[in-house]
Amino acid sequence: MKRLLYSVIAVALLFLTRTTRADTIIARLESVTNVGPNNYTYVYQIYVTSTHGVSSTGLESGLVLIDFNGLIAGSATVVQNPGDLTANTDWAVAEPDAGGTANGSIISSTSWNGVTTQINGSNGLNSTAPDLLTVKNVELDYTGSSGVAAGATDQNLIHLVVHSKIGSVLLQPSLSRTVANVLGDPNARPTQTFLYLAPNEGGGPFLPLPSTAGLGLVLLGGLGFSRVRRLNLA
């Protein structure tokens, strides 16, 4: 039965990798490691998709990981690994309650209306996601002076390391702002809502996986994240 389930997942992933497209900054979960009692290290590859870049001028580029459950305060940090195009010093990291400076956000032109966080872009290109004030977000704000120009392929920017008390995951929304030539404007600052794998204690029955290769299930966001099963990585 498990072998059949894994085969179904593999087929779904193959289909989605060929059909899913996001123009955004994406946090791809690479590993979850249990480093102590109620202490799990989450490592994400942060990358920007093709035809998009990052900049600190105007409406700066940034990424908001919504509702990072079980966050161990002060643990979020960035690490430049081989292949990453930006340095640790090119990013500011924060753990706000929600969007907006009043809630600790460091990304400009974000807000929280009591239910959702919104990130604003140019030309009315804004994006929103449900956001609980009681669960911390993780924010990456690009502050580098050189920026990263849009490329023909996806580009690795930096790695994000965060610790959580929770070792199981569920798809959660993220918000990002990039630089791209949109509607003929080379200085456009589009935004996007996408999904990432976050620590979460809720979401239904466990779905055990044979290895962390199953973390590619983030692509199943195209099927609707509200009903995706939780993955037990402990």
C-alpha atoms as a PDB file:
ATOM      1  CA  MET A   1       0.000   0.000   0.000  1.00  0.00           C
ATOM      2  CA  LYS A   2       2.819   2.412   0.889  1.00  0.00           C
ATOM      3  CA  ARG A   3       4.607   1.629  -2.370  1.00  0.00           C
ATOM      4  CA  LEU A   4       1.429   2.484  -4.290  1.00  0.00           C
ATOM      5  CA  LEU A   5       1.056   5.723  -2.317  1.00  0.00           C
ATOM      6  CA  TYR A   6       4.631   6.785  -3.104  1.00  0.00           C
ATOM      7  CA  SER A   7       4.083   5.986  -6.785  1.00  0.00           C
ATOM      8  CA  VAL A   8       0.973   8.177  -6.850  1.00  0.00           C
ATOM      9  CA  ILE A   9       2.925  10.986  -5.175  1.00  0.00           C
ATOM     10  CA  ALA A  10       5.767  10.640  -7.698  1.00  0.00           C
ATOM     11  CA  VAL A  11       3.366  10.882 -10.636  1.00  0.00           C
ATOM     12  CA  ALA A  12       1.671  13.924  -9.093  1.00  0.00           C
ATOM     13  CA  LEU A  13       5.015  15.627  -8.559  1.00  0.00           C
ATOM     14  CA  LEU A  14       6.105  14.928 -12.130  1.00  0.00           C
ATOM     15  CA  PHE A  15       2.866  16.408 -13.462  1.00  0.00           C
ATOM     16  CA  LEU A  16       3.057  19.478 -11.263  1.00  0.00           C
ATOM     17  CA  THR A  17       6.713  20.222 -12.026  1.00  0.00           C
ATOM     18  CA  ARG A  18       5.717  20.427 -15.664  1.00  0.00           C
ATOM     19  CA  THR A  19       2.633  22.570 -15.154  1.00  0.00           C
ATOM     20  CA  THR A  20       3.195  24.728 -12.055  1.00  0.00           C
ATOM     21  CA  ARG A  21       4.733  28.147 -12.597  1.00  0.00           C
ATOM     22  CA  ALA A  22       5.417  30.838 -10.038  1.00  0.00           C
ATOM     23  CA  ASP A  23       7.114  34.187 -10.593  1.00  0.00           C
ATOM     24  CA  THR A  24       8.400  34.836  -7.116  1.00  0.00           C
ATOM     25  CA  ILE A  25      11.014  34.238  -4.423  1.00  0.00           C
ATOM     26  CA  ILE A  26      10.577  30.677  -3.176  1.00  0.00           C
ATOM     27  CA  ALA A  27      11.651  28.984   0.063  1.00  0.00           C
ATOM     28  CA  ARG A  28      12.352  25.333  -0.804  1.00  0.00           C
ATOM     29  CA  LEU A  29      12.720  23.117   2.260  1.00  0.00           C
ATOM     30  CA  GLU A  30      15.940  21.074   1.991  1.00  0.00           C
ATOM     31  CA  SER A  31      16.124  19.353   5.361  1.00  0.00           C
ATOM     32  CA  VAL A  32      14.654  19.014   8.842  1.00  0.00           C
ATOM     33  CA  THR A  33      17.004  17.771  11.568  1.00  0.00           C
ATOM     34  CA  ASN A  34      16.161  16.929  15.171  1.00  0.00           C
ATOM     35  CA  VAL A  35      18.965  18.545  17.187  1.00  0.00           C
ATOM     36  CA  GLY A  36      17.487  18.175  20.665  1.00  0.00           C
ATOM     37  CA  PRO A  37      14.270  17.837  22.658  1.00  0.00           C
ATOM     38  CA  ASN A  38      11.597  19.897  20.874  1.00  0.00           C
ATOM     39  CA  ASN A  39      14.270  21.466  18.656  1.00  0.00           C
ATOM     40  CA  TYR A  40      14.268  20.945  14.887  1.00  0.00           C
ATOM     41  CA  THR A  41      16.527  22.727  12.416  1.00  0.00           C
ATOM     42  CA  TYR A  42      14.813  23.740   9.168  1.00  0.00           C
ATOM     43  CA  VAL A  43      17.050  24.593   6.209  1.00  0.00           C
ATOM     44  CA  TYR A  44      15.579  26.327   3.169  1.00  0.00           C
ATOM     45  CA  GLN A  45      17.102  27.201  -0.171  1.00  0.00           C
ATOM     46  CA  ILE A  46      15.889  30.690  -1.044  1.00  0.00           C
ATOM     47  CA  TYR A  47      15.788  31.289  -4.785  1.00  0.00           C
ATOM     48  CA  VAL A  48      14.226  33.647  -7.300  1.00  0.00           C
ATOM     49  CA  THR A  49      12.499  32.265 -10.367  1.00  0.00           C
ATOM     50  CA  SER A  50      13.555  33.009 -13.926  1.00  0.00           C
ATOM     51  CA  THR A  51      12.824  36.442 -15.437  1.00  0.00           C
ATOM     52  CA  HIS A  52      12.779  37.932 -11.921  1.00  0.00           C
ATOM     53  CA  GLY A  53      15.539  39.502  -9.819  1.00  0.00           C
ATOM     54  CA  VAL A  54      16.052  41.242  -6.482  1.00  0.00           C
ATOM     55  CA  SER A  55      16.920  44.818  -5.574  1.00  0.00           C
ATOM     56  CA  SER A  56      17.129  47.048  -2.507  1.00  0.00           C
ATOM     57  CA  THR A  57      16.051  50.210  -4.344  1.00  0.00           C
ATOM     58  CA  GLY A  58      12.502  51.538  -4.432  1.00  0.00           C
ATOM     59  CA  LEU A  59      10.152  48.895  -3.085  1.00  0.00           C
ATOM     60  CA  GLU A  60      12.869  46.481  -1.998  1.00  0.00           C
ATOM     61  CA  SER A  61      12.694  42.749  -2.621  1.00  0.00           C
ATOM     62  CA  GLY A  62      11.710  40.503   0.239  1.00  0.00           C
ATOM     63  CA  LEU A  63      10.068  37.295   1.411  1.00  0.00           C
ATOM     64  CA  VAL A  64       7.533  36.682   4.204  1.00  0.00           C
ATOM     65  CA  LEU A  65       7.040  33.145   5.510  1.00  0.00           C
ATOM     66  CA  ILE A  66       3.604  33.275   7.102  1.00  0.00           C
ATOM     67  CA  ASP A  67       2.918  31.590  10.488  1.00  0.00           C
ATOM     68  CA  PHE A  68       6.132  29.675  11.221  1.00  0.00           C
ATOM     69  CA  ASN A  69       4.701  27.504  13.982  1.00  0.00           C
ATOM     70  CA  GLY A  70       6.822  26.598  16.998  1.00  0.00           C
ATOM     71  CA  LEU A  71       9.477  29.172  16.098  1.00  0.00           C
ATOM     72  CA  ILE A  72      12.332  29.292  18.596  1.00  0.00           C
ATOM     73  CA  ALA A  73      12.778  33.025  19.058  1.00  0.00           C
ATOM     74  CA  GLY A  74      15.899  34.536  17.550  1.00  0.00           C
ATOM     75  CA  SER A  75      16.855  31.407  15.627  1.00  0.00           C
ATOM     76  CA  ALA A  76      16.213  32.637  12.076  1.00  0.00           C
ATOM     77  CA  THR A  77      19.436  33.383  10.208  1.00  0.00           C
ATOM     78  CA  VAL A  78      20.821  33.329   6.667  1.00  0.00           C
ATOM     79  CA  VAL A  79      23.852  31.370   5.458  1.00  0.00           C
ATOM     80  CA  GLN A  80      25.628  31.694   2.128  1.00  0.00           C
ATOM     81  CA  ASN A  81      26.349  28.244   0.733  1.00  0.00           C
ATOM     82  CA  PRO A  82      28.237  27.407  -2.475  1.00  0.00           C
ATOM     83  CA  GLY A  83      26.125  28.460  -5.436  1.00  0.00           C
ATOM     84  CA  ASP A  84      24.274  31.219  -3.585  1.00  0.00           C
ATOM     85  CA  LEU A  85      24.548  34.574  -5.368  1.00  0.00           C
ATOM     86  CA  THR A  86      24.125  36.824  -2.328  1.00  0.00           C
ATOM     87  CA  ALA A  87      25.960  37.143   0.979  1.00  0.00           C
ATOM     88  CA  ASN A  88      24.709  36.972   4.561  1.00  0.00           C
ATOM     89  CA  THR A  89      25.186  40.734   4.834  1.00  0.00           C
ATOM     90  CA  ASP A  90      22.815  41.332   1.903  1.00  0.00           C
ATOM     91  CA  TRP A  91      19.799  40.329   3.992  1.00  0.00           C
ATOM     92  CA  ALA A  92      18.040  41.555   7.103  1.00  0.00           C
ATOM     93  CA  VAL A  93      16.094  38.883   8.999  1.00  0.00           C
ATOM     94  CA  ALA A  94      13.152  39.412  11.355  1.00  0.00           C
ATOM     95  CA  GLU A  95      10.520  37.416  13.221  1.00  0.00           C
ATOM     96  CA  PRO A  96       7.477  39.733  13.283  1.00  0.00           C
ATOM     97  CA  ASP A  97       3.989  38.965  14.518  1.00  0.00           C
ATOM     98  CA  ALA A  98       2.457  40.048  11.193  1.00  0.00           C
ATOM     99  CA  GLY A  99       2.823  42.614   8.413  1.00  0.00           C
ATOM    100  CA  GLY A 100       3.324  46.313   9.144  1.00  0.00           C
ATOM    101  CA  THR A 101       5.947  48.066  11.245  1.00  0.00           C
ATOM    102  CA  ALA A 102       3.599  48.114  14.245  1.00  0.00           C
ATOM    103  CA  ASN A 103       3.796  44.310  14.257  1.00  0.00           C
ATOM    104  CA  GLY A 104       7.562  44.189  13.787  1.00  0.00           C
ATOM    105  CA  SER A 105       7.764  43.832  10.002  1.00  0.00           C
ATOM    106  CA  ILE A 106      10.980  45.128   8.409  1.00  0.00           C
ATOM    107  CA  ILE A 107       9.745  44.941   4.810  1.00  0.00           C
ATOM    108  CA  SER A 108       8.390  48.252   3.556  1.00  0.00           C
ATOM    109  CA  SER A 109       4.820  48.638   2.314  1.00  0.00           C
ATOM    110  CA  THR A 110       3.397  45.696   4.217  1.00  0.00           C
ATOM    111  CA  SER A 111       0.307  45.816   6.411  1.00  0.00           C
ATOM    112  CA  TRP A 112      -2.017  43.656   8.501  1.00  0.00           C
ATOM    113  CA  ASN A 113      -5.776  44.250   8.685  1.00  0.00           C
ATOM    114  CA  GLY A 114      -6.491  41.891  11.561  1.00  0.00           C
ATOM    115  CA  VAL A 115      -6.955  38.886   9.299  1.00  0.00           C
ATOM    116  CA  THR A 116      -4.472  39.034   6.416  1.00  0.00           C
ATOM    117  CA  THR A 117      -1.007  40.415   5.737  1.00  0.00           C
ATOM    118  CA  GLN A 118      -0.545  42.332   2.489  1.00  0.00           C
ATOM    119  CA  ILE A 119       2.637  43.181   0.600  1.00  0.00           C
ATOM    120  CA  ASN A 120       2.364  46.000  -1.911  1.00  0.00           C
ATOM    121  CA  GLY A 121       4.055  46.194  -5.287  1.00  0.00           C
ATOM    122  CA  SER A 122       4.143  48.772  -8.053  1.00  0.00           C
ATOM    123  CA  ASN A 123       1.262  49.314 -10.460  1.00  0.00           C
ATOM    124  CA  GLY A 124      -1.208  47.885  -7.942  1.00  0.00           C
ATOM    125  CA  LEU A 125       0.518  44.493  -7.966  1.00  0.00           C
ATOM    126  CA  ASN A 126      -0.323  43.537  -4.376  1.00  0.00           C
ATOM    127  CA  SER A 127      -0.615  40.121  -2.693  1.00  0.00           C
ATOM    128  CA  THR A 128      -2.238  38.928   0.550  1.00  0.00           C
ATOM    129  CA  ALA A 129      -2.361  35.831   2.753  1.00  0.00           C
ATOM    130  CA  PRO A 130      -4.188  34.871   5.967  1.00  0.00           C
ATOM    131  CA  ASP A 131      -1.941  35.613   8.952  1.00  0.00           C
ATOM    132  CA  LEU A 132      -2.431  34.812  12.652  1.00  0.00           C
ATOM    133  CA  LEU A 133      -1.106  37.477  14.996  1.00  0.00           C
ATOM    134  CA  THR A 134      -0.428  34.762  17.567  1.00  0.00           C
ATOM    135  CA  VAL A 135       2.072  32.902  15.343  1.00  0.00           C
ATOM    136  CA  LYS A 136       5.363  34.506  14.315  1.00  0.00           C
ATOM    137  CA  ASN A 137       6.338  35.069  10.685  1.00  0.00           C
ATOM    138  CA  VAL A 138       9.878  34.928   9.320  1.00  0.00           C
ATOM    139  CA  GLU A 139      10.952  37.769   7.028  1.00  0.00           C
ATOM    140  CA  LEU A 140      13.911  38.206   4.694  1.00  0.00           C
ATOM    141  CA  ASP A 141      14.474  41.768   3.482  1.00  0.00           C
ATOM    142  CA  TYR A 142      17.031  42.291   0.700  1.00  0.00           C
ATOM    143  CA  THR A 143      19.432  45.133   1.584  1.00  0.00           C
ATOM    144  CA  GLY A 144      22.368  44.399  -0.748  1.00  0.00           C
ATOM    145  CA  SER A 145      23.718  47.191  -2.915  1.00  0.00           C
ATOM    146  CA  SER A 146      24.374  45.240  -6.120  1.00  0.00           C
ATOM    147  CA  GLY A 147      21.119  43.324  -6.529  1.00  0.00           C
ATOM    148  CA  VAL A 148      20.597  40.261  -8.702  1.00  0.00           C
ATOM    149  CA  ALA A 149      19.469  40.813 -12.275  1.00  0.00           C
ATOM    150  CA  ALA A 150      16.700  38.687 -13.739  1.00  0.00           C
ATOM    151  CA  GLY A 151      18.054  35.549 -15.394  1.00  0.00           C
ATOM    152  CA  ALA A 152      16.929  33.018 -17.936  1.00  0.00           C
ATOM    153  CA  THR A 153      16.769  30.328 -15.230  1.00  0.00           C
ATOM    154  CA  ASP A 154      16.021  30.156 -11.502  1.00  0.00           C
ATOM    155  CA  GLN A 155      18.811  31.622  -9.344  1.00  0.00           C
ATOM    156  CA  ASN A 156      19.837  30.540  -5.830  1.00  0.00           C
ATOM    157  CA  LEU A 157      20.056  33.557  -3.522  1.00  0.00           C
ATOM    158  CA  ILE A 158      20.792  32.404   0.034  1.00  0.00           C
ATOM    159  CA  HIS A 159      19.990  29.686   2.582  1.00  0.00           C
ATOM    160  CA  LEU A 160      17.660  30.277   5.519  1.00  0.00           C
ATOM    161  CA  VAL A 161      18.098  28.344   8.773  1.00  0.00           C
ATOM    162  CA  VAL A 162      15.317  28.407  11.385  1.00  0.00           C
ATOM    163  CA  HIS A 163      14.659  26.363  14.527  1.00  0.00           C
ATOM    164  CA  SER A 164      11.204  25.169  15.566  1.00  0.00           C
ATOM    165  CA  LYS A 165       9.813  23.098  18.420  1.00  0.00           C
ATOM    166  CA  ILE A 166       7.786  21.140  15.829  1.00  0.00           C
ATOM    167  CA  GLY A 167       9.069  18.410  13.542  1.00  0.00           C
ATOM    168  CA  SER A 168       6.086  17.940  11.227  1.00  0.00           C
ATOM    169  CA  VAL A 169       5.179  20.162   8.297  1.00  0.00           C
ATOM    170  CA  LEU A 170       2.187  21.564   6.472  1.00  0.00           C
ATOM    171  CA  LEU A 171       1.911  23.878   3.483  1.00  0.00           C
ATOM    172  CA  GLN A 172       1.619  27.539   4.448  1.00  0.00           C
ATOM    173  CA  PRO A 173       1.478  30.687   2.299  1.00  0.00           C
ATOM    174  CA  SER A 174       4.412  32.996   1.699  1.00  0.00           C
ATOM    175  CA  LEU A 175       4.491  36.505   0.256  1.00  0.00           C
ATOM    176  CA  SER A 176       7.279  37.972  -1.850  1.00  0.00           C
ATOM    177  CA  ARG A 177       8.243  41.028  -3.865  1.00  0.00           C
ATOM    178  CA  THR A 178      10.728  40.928  -6.740  1.00  0.00           C
ATOM    179  CA  VAL A 179      11.997  42.982  -9.685  1.00  0.00           C
ATOM    180  CA  ALA A 180      10.726  42.121 -13.143  1.00  0.00           C
ATOM    181  CA  ASN A 181       9.837  43.663 -16.484  1.00  0.00           C
ATOM    182  CA  VAL A 182       6.050  43.624 -16.165  1.00  0.00           C
ATOM    183  CA  LEU A 183       3.821  45.291 -18.762  1.00  0.00           C
ATOM    184  CA  GLY A 184       6.883  46.909 -20.328  1.00  0.00           C
ATOM    185  CA  ASP A 185       8.089  48.479 -17.068  1.00  0.00           C
ATOM    186  CA  PRO A 186      11.679  47.294 -16.328  1.00  0.00           C
ATOM    187  CA  ASN A 187      11.454  48.764 -12.821  1.00  0.00           C
ATOM    188  CA  ALA A 188       8.224  46.996 -11.857  1.00  0.00           C
ATOM    189  CA  ARG A 189       7.971  45.471  -8.387  1.00  0.00           C
ATOM    190  CA  PRO A 190       5.496  42.582  -8.701  1.00  0.00           C
ATOM    191  CA  THR A 191       4.352  40.538  -5.704  1.00  0.00           C
ATOM    192  CA  GLN A 192       3.251  36.952  -5.375  1.00  0.00           C
ATOM    193  CA  THR A 193       1.632  34.507  -2.962  1.00  0.00           C
ATOM    194  CA  PHE A 194       3.159  31.030  -2.995  1.00  0.00           C
ATOM    195  CA  LEU A 195       3.335  28.009  -0.679  1.00  0.00           C
ATOM    196  CA  TYR A 196       6.154  26.679   1.465  1.00  0.00           C
ATOM    197  CA  LEU A 197       6.536  23.786   3.907  1.00  0.00           C
ATOM    198  CA  ALA A 198       6.288  25.150   7.451  1.00  0.00           C
ATOM    199  CA  PRO A 199       6.284  23.541  10.897  1.00  0.00           C
ATOM    200  CA  ASN A 200       2.701  22.799  11.866  1.00  0.00           C
ATOM    201  CA  GLU A 201       0.965  20.586  14.405  1.00  0.00           C
ATOM    202  CA  GLY A 202      -2.387  20.656  12.651  1.00  0.00           C
ATOM    203  CA  GLY A 203      -3.652  19.607   9.263  1.00  0.00           C
ATOM    204  CA  GLY A 204      -4.883  16.048   9.540  1.00  0.00           C
ATOM    205  CA  PRO A 205      -3.317  12.589   9.761  1.00  0.00           C
ATOM    206  CA  PHE A 206       0.388  11.905   9.439  1.00  0.00           C
ATOM    207  CA  LEU A 207       1.773  10.891   6.058  1.00  0.00           C
ATOM    208  CA  PRO A 208       5.137   9.208   6.766  1.00  0.00           C
ATOM    209  CA  LEU A 209       7.753   9.480   4.052  1.00  0.00           C
ATOM    210  CA  PRO A 210      10.747   7.178   3.391  1.00  0.00           C
ATOM    211  CA  SER A 211      13.181  10.098   3.117  1.00  0.00           C
ATOM    212  CA  THR A 212      13.383  13.878   2.926  1.00  0.00           C
ATOM    213  CA  ALA A 213      13.066  13.542  -0.845  1.00  0.00           C
ATOM    214  CA  GLY A 214       9.336  13.730  -0.159  1.00  0.00           C
ATOM    215  CA  LEU A 215       9.770  17.358   0.805  1.00  0.00           C
ATOM    216  CA  GLY A 216       9.150  18.130  -2.863  1.00  0.00           C
ATOM    217  CA  LEU A 217       5.464  17.902  -1.946  1.00  0.00           C
ATOM    218  CA  VAL A 218       5.502  21.681  -1.746  1.00  0.00           C
ATOM    219  CA  LEU A 219       4.515  21.462  -5.397  1.00  0.00           C
ATOM    220  CA  LEU A 220       1.198  19.989  -4.338  1.00  0.00           C
ATOM    221  CA  GLY A 221       0.207  23.536  -3.451  1.00  0.00           C
ATOM    222  CA  GLY A 222      -1.533  23.580  -6.786  1.00  0.00           C
ATOM    223  CA  LEU A 223      -4.081  21.198  -5.288  1.00  0.00           C
ATOM    224  CA  GLY A 224      -4.989  23.551  -2.441  1.00  0.00           C
ATOM    225  CA  PHE A 225      -2.959  23.861   0.762  1.00  0.00           C
ATOM    226  CA  SER A 226      -5.914  23.842   3.162  1.00  0.00           C
ATOM    227  CA  ARG A 227      -6.504  20.094   2.715  1.00  0.00           C
ATOM    228  CA  VAL A 228      -2.924  18.809   2.304  1.00  0.00           C
ATOM    229  CA  ARG A 229      -1.941  16.184   4.844  1.00  0.00           C
ATOM    230  CA  ARG A 230       0.729  16.822   7.411  1.00  0.00           C
ATOM    231  CA  LEU A 231       4.107  15.179   6.858  1.00  0.00           C
ATOM    232  CA  ASN A 232       5.820  13.619   9.870  1.00  0.00           C
ATOM    233  CA  LEU A 233       9.566  14.219   9.607  1.00  0.00           C
ATOM    234  CA  ALA A 234      10.517  13.380  13.141  1.00  0.00           C
END
